[in-house]
Every structure is written in structure tokens, then in C-alpha cells.
Amino acid sequence: MSVATRKQKSADDGHAHFDRELDDLPPKLRWREWMGRIEAVLFASAKPVGRDDLARVVGQGASVEMLIDDIQAELTGRPYELTQVAGGWMFQTKTQFADAIKAAADLGEHSLAFTEMEMGVLCAVAYHQPIDRAGLADIFGKEVSRDLLARLRYKDLIASGPRSPRPGAPHTFVTTETFLVTFDLQSLRDLPELDLSDT
């Protein structure tokens, strides 16, 4: 199907044609428009947006990474930044403004305060996933309560993984994209190295 045919089909369907290439604009204005599109997509998303999704709003020859670099350069000195987390990019406020945000904003029930045990279970899941309750009990030397696991699920930090090969094929737990975003990780490879030496 030719470009002209696709444009005609879009018009016939009642959908306006989305011009990714912007060939009618001079290069500088085209680049600016692409930057604006990427910013708009990121601003509208509550989750990280991946490269492939961002590439849908810019021309084929455009480098998403270079556009991101230019946006990041323009944000110097602003209280928020464009960061790469969980396989995509998203806007985040800079950590130095955390106290101001807490003082002014009603953060509701989305408190990220963790008990020592919750943090321990999160770490165990992150480093040993997929892991079932019996595996967690082996690590902690006691059963991990279903309520604690439910709280971590409610915060969308862990989710069900594949069935365990243990008898009865119990469910396992894995970390989520929200876990990566919460702890500012691009992927699980960014987890700190475990120090297993006796100190």
C-alpha cells in the first residue's frame, strides 16, 4: 500500500493522518517538534515509556536517544529530570525536593515506608526470583506471612511468577516494573552486588 493510499484510507476512516516525518518543516523546527512530542508522551505517562513507543512519534531517521539527551540538557536547573528506569524513560522529581513535596502534597496511601521485614522480603524476592514461600522461609528461618506478601502485592512491588517445581507447584513471587521505578533501577542487573563475606 502506497503512502498516498494509506493517507487516503486514514481520511476515509475518519482518522487524521499522523505525520511522523514532518518533512514540510525545516530541520531545526522538525527536531523541536519531535522533542515536544517525546516530552508530551512522557509527561502523560505514569510509567516509564520505552524506546519503541517513543520512536512511533518521531521520524524514522530520528535518534530517540539524541532527542532525549537534548531534552535532558534543557532540564538542567529544573526540579525534575528525565531518567531512564525499568527499560524506559520517565520524568521524576529530583531527590533534593523530596521534603518539600512531602510537606506540601497529600501522598495518600502510597507511603513507601517499609518495615525491616518487608524490606528483607523485597530484597529476597529481588535477588532470588522466582521464589516461593518455602524459599523465603529457608532464607529467613521462619514462615513469611501471607499478609506481608499481600501488602507488597498491594503496593505493586511483587507479583505472581511461574509455578515452582516443588511438590504441589506453589506460586512464586517476582518483582514488578513498579519495583524498578520505586528503587530507580533500569533493570535487575542494576541491583547492588550482594556481599556474602562474613564481617
Protein backbone atom coordinates (compact mmCIF):
# COMPACT_ATOMS: atom_id res chain seq x y z
CA MET A 1 0.00 0.00 0.00
CA SER A 2 1.49 3.35 -1.03
CA VAL A 3 1.80 6.36 1.28
CA ALA A 4 -0.88 8.17 -0.71
CA THR A 5 -3.21 5.18 -0.39
CA ARG A 6 -2.55 4.95 3.39
CA LYS A 7 -3.28 8.68 3.79
CA GLN A 8 -6.50 8.30 1.78
CA LYS A 9 -7.53 5.22 3.80
CA SER A 10 -6.93 7.13 7.06
CA ALA A 11 -9.02 10.03 5.80
CA ASP A 12 -11.77 7.64 4.70
CA ASP A 13 -11.80 6.01 8.16
CA GLY A 14 -12.29 9.42 9.74
CA HIS A 15 -8.86 9.39 11.39
CA ALA A 16 -6.45 12.23 10.79
CA HIS A 17 -3.10 11.13 9.42
CA PHE A 18 -0.31 11.38 11.99
CA ASP A 19 2.74 12.83 10.27
CA ARG A 20 5.81 11.33 11.96
CA GLU A 21 8.31 12.62 9.43
CA LEU A 22 7.33 16.33 9.35
CA ASP A 23 9.10 16.74 6.00
CA ASP A 24 7.42 20.13 5.45
CA LEU A 25 9.31 21.67 8.41
CA PRO A 26 12.89 22.99 8.36
CA PRO A 27 15.30 20.66 10.21
CA LYS A 28 15.55 22.76 13.41
CA LEU A 29 11.79 23.13 13.75
CA ARG A 30 11.30 19.43 12.97
CA TRP A 31 13.75 18.48 15.76
CA ARG A 32 11.96 20.84 18.18
CA GLU A 33 8.60 19.31 17.32
CA TRP A 34 9.96 15.80 17.86
CA MET A 35 11.37 16.86 21.25
CA GLY A 36 7.96 18.29 22.15
CA ARG A 37 6.21 15.08 21.16
CA ILE A 38 8.53 12.96 23.28
CA GLU A 39 8.09 15.31 26.25
CA ALA A 40 4.30 15.20 25.85
CA VAL A 41 4.22 11.39 25.75
CA LEU A 42 6.46 11.13 28.81
CA PHE A 43 4.53 13.79 30.69
CA ALA A 44 1.24 12.00 30.04
CA SER A 45 2.52 8.60 31.19
CA ALA A 46 2.66 7.49 34.81
CA LYS A 47 5.02 4.66 33.85
CA PRO A 48 8.33 4.54 32.01
CA VAL A 49 7.95 4.73 28.23
CA GLY A 50 10.21 2.50 26.15
CA ARG A 51 12.26 3.45 23.12
CA ASP A 52 9.98 1.66 20.64
CA ASP A 53 6.93 3.58 21.87
CA LEU A 54 8.76 6.91 21.66
CA ALA A 55 10.01 6.08 18.16
CA ARG A 56 6.37 5.99 16.98
CA VAL A 57 6.04 9.77 17.36
CA VAL A 58 9.23 10.84 15.56
CA GLY A 59 10.60 10.38 12.06
CA GLN A 60 12.35 7.18 11.01
CA GLY A 61 15.76 8.85 10.82
CA ALA A 62 15.46 10.50 14.23
CA SER A 63 17.52 9.21 17.14
CA VAL A 64 15.31 8.87 20.22
CA GLU A 65 18.45 8.84 22.39
CA MET A 66 19.71 12.14 20.92
CA LEU A 67 16.28 13.73 21.38
CA ILE A 68 16.27 12.54 25.00
CA ASP A 69 19.77 13.99 25.50
CA ASP A 70 18.59 17.38 24.23
CA ILE A 71 15.53 17.31 26.49
CA GLN A 72 17.71 16.39 29.48
CA ALA A 73 20.08 19.27 28.68
CA GLU A 74 17.15 21.71 28.70
CA LEU A 75 16.02 20.44 32.11
CA THR A 76 19.28 21.42 33.82
CA GLY A 77 18.38 23.51 36.85
CA ARG A 78 14.76 22.33 36.91
CA PRO A 79 13.35 20.49 39.98
CA TYR A 80 12.60 17.43 37.85
CA GLU A 81 14.62 15.36 35.41
CA LEU A 82 14.20 12.78 32.68
CA THR A 83 15.59 9.47 33.90
CA GLN A 84 15.96 6.02 32.41
CA VAL A 85 14.32 3.37 34.59
CA ALA A 86 12.71 -0.03 34.07
CA GLY A 87 13.59 -0.19 30.39
CA GLY A 88 12.20 3.23 29.50
CA TRP A 89 12.25 6.92 30.37
CA MET A 90 10.09 8.97 32.70
CA PHE A 91 10.02 12.32 34.45
CA GLN A 92 10.95 12.24 38.14
CA THR A 93 11.41 14.97 40.68
CA LYS A 94 14.94 15.35 41.96
CA THR A 95 15.56 13.77 45.35
CA GLN A 96 16.64 17.08 46.88
CA PHE A 97 12.99 18.22 46.64
CA ALA A 98 11.52 15.18 48.41
CA ASP A 99 10.98 17.01 51.73
CA ALA A 100 9.22 19.90 50.00
CA ILE A 101 6.91 17.52 48.16
CA LYS A 102 6.09 15.62 51.37
CA ALA A 103 5.40 18.89 53.20
CA ALA A 104 3.02 20.22 50.53
CA ALA A 105 1.45 17.19 48.86
CA ASP A 106 -1.11 14.75 50.14
CA LEU A 107 0.58 11.49 49.21
CA GLY A 108 -2.40 9.45 50.41
CA GLU A 109 -1.98 5.75 50.99
CA HIS A 110 1.05 5.44 48.73
CA SER A 111 3.55 5.60 51.53
CA LEU A 112 6.81 3.89 50.69
CA ALA A 113 7.82 3.33 54.28
CA PHE A 114 8.78 -0.31 54.79
CA THR A 115 9.20 -2.39 57.90
CA GLU A 116 12.53 -4.18 58.22
CA MET A 117 10.85 -7.48 57.38
CA GLU A 118 9.10 -6.04 54.29
CA MET A 119 12.40 -4.68 53.03
CA GLY A 120 14.07 -8.03 53.72
CA VAL A 121 11.39 -9.92 51.79
CA LEU A 122 11.62 -7.45 48.89
CA CYS A 123 15.38 -7.97 48.75
CA ALA A 124 14.99 -11.75 48.92
CA VAL A 125 12.48 -11.73 46.08
CA ALA A 126 14.61 -9.35 44.00
CA TYR A 127 17.79 -11.42 44.33
CA HIS A 128 16.26 -14.91 44.26
CA GLN A 129 13.26 -14.61 41.95
CA PRO A 130 11.24 -16.52 41.13
CA ILE A 131 10.93 -17.68 44.73
CA ASP A 132 8.06 -19.33 46.61
CA ARG A 133 7.07 -19.02 50.30
CA ALA A 134 9.12 -22.11 51.20
CA GLY A 135 12.19 -20.50 49.62
CA LEU A 136 11.56 -17.34 51.62
CA ALA A 137 11.18 -19.44 54.79
CA ASP A 138 14.57 -21.06 54.04
CA ILE A 139 16.16 -17.59 53.84
CA PHE A 140 14.51 -16.12 56.96
CA GLY A 141 14.34 -19.29 59.07
CA LYS A 142 10.61 -18.77 59.59
CA GLU A 143 7.39 -18.51 57.58
CA VAL A 144 6.77 -15.21 55.81
CA SER A 145 3.19 -14.17 56.49
CA ARG A 146 0.65 -14.03 53.71
CA ASP A 147 -0.36 -10.57 54.99
CA LEU A 148 3.15 -9.21 54.46
CA LEU A 149 3.22 -10.63 50.92
CA ALA A 150 -0.26 -9.17 50.29
CA ARG A 151 0.95 -5.69 51.37
CA LEU A 152 3.86 -5.89 48.92
CA ARG A 153 1.45 -7.05 46.20
CA TYR A 154 -0.94 -4.19 47.05
CA LYS A 155 1.92 -1.72 46.57
CA ASP A 156 2.55 -3.48 43.22
CA LEU A 157 6.15 -4.26 44.17
CA ILE A 158 5.81 -8.03 43.74
CA ALA A 159 3.60 -10.22 41.56
CA SER A 160 2.99 -13.89 40.91
CA GLY A 161 5.69 -15.65 38.95
CA PRO A 162 5.80 -19.09 37.37
CA ARG A 163 4.84 -22.18 39.34
CA SER A 164 7.63 -23.65 41.45
CA PRO A 165 8.99 -27.12 40.60
CA ARG A 166 8.44 -28.09 44.26
CA PRO A 167 5.71 -30.65 45.08
CA GLY A 168 2.30 -29.04 44.74
CA ALA A 169 3.71 -26.47 42.26
CA PRO A 170 3.22 -23.45 44.54
CA HIS A 171 3.13 -19.94 43.11
CA THR A 172 6.36 -17.99 43.10
CA PHE A 173 6.96 -14.28 43.51
CA VAL A 174 8.82 -11.86 41.24
CA THR A 175 9.43 -8.13 41.33
CA THR A 176 7.47 -5.74 39.09
CA GLU A 177 8.14 -2.71 36.93
CA THR A 178 6.89 -0.62 39.88
CA PHE A 179 9.69 -2.15 41.98
CA LEU A 180 12.27 -0.99 39.42
CA VAL A 181 10.77 2.51 39.27
CA THR A 182 10.48 2.78 43.07
CA PHE A 183 14.12 1.91 43.58
CA ASP A 184 15.32 3.83 40.50
CA LEU A 185 16.67 0.76 38.68
CA GLN A 186 16.94 0.37 34.92
CA SER A 187 16.81 -3.43 35.29
CA LEU A 188 17.53 -6.11 37.90
CA ARG A 189 21.15 -6.10 36.72
CA ASP A 190 21.43 -2.73 38.50
CA LEU A 191 20.81 -4.28 41.91
CA PRO A 192 23.85 -3.80 44.18
CA GLU A 193 26.22 -6.75 44.40
CA LEU A 194 25.49 -8.96 47.40
CA ASP A 195 28.35 -9.03 49.91
CA LEU A 196 28.26 -12.58 51.20
CA SER A 197 31.53 -12.36 53.14
CA ASP A 198 31.42 -12.67 56.93
CA THR A 199 32.21 -9.34 58.51
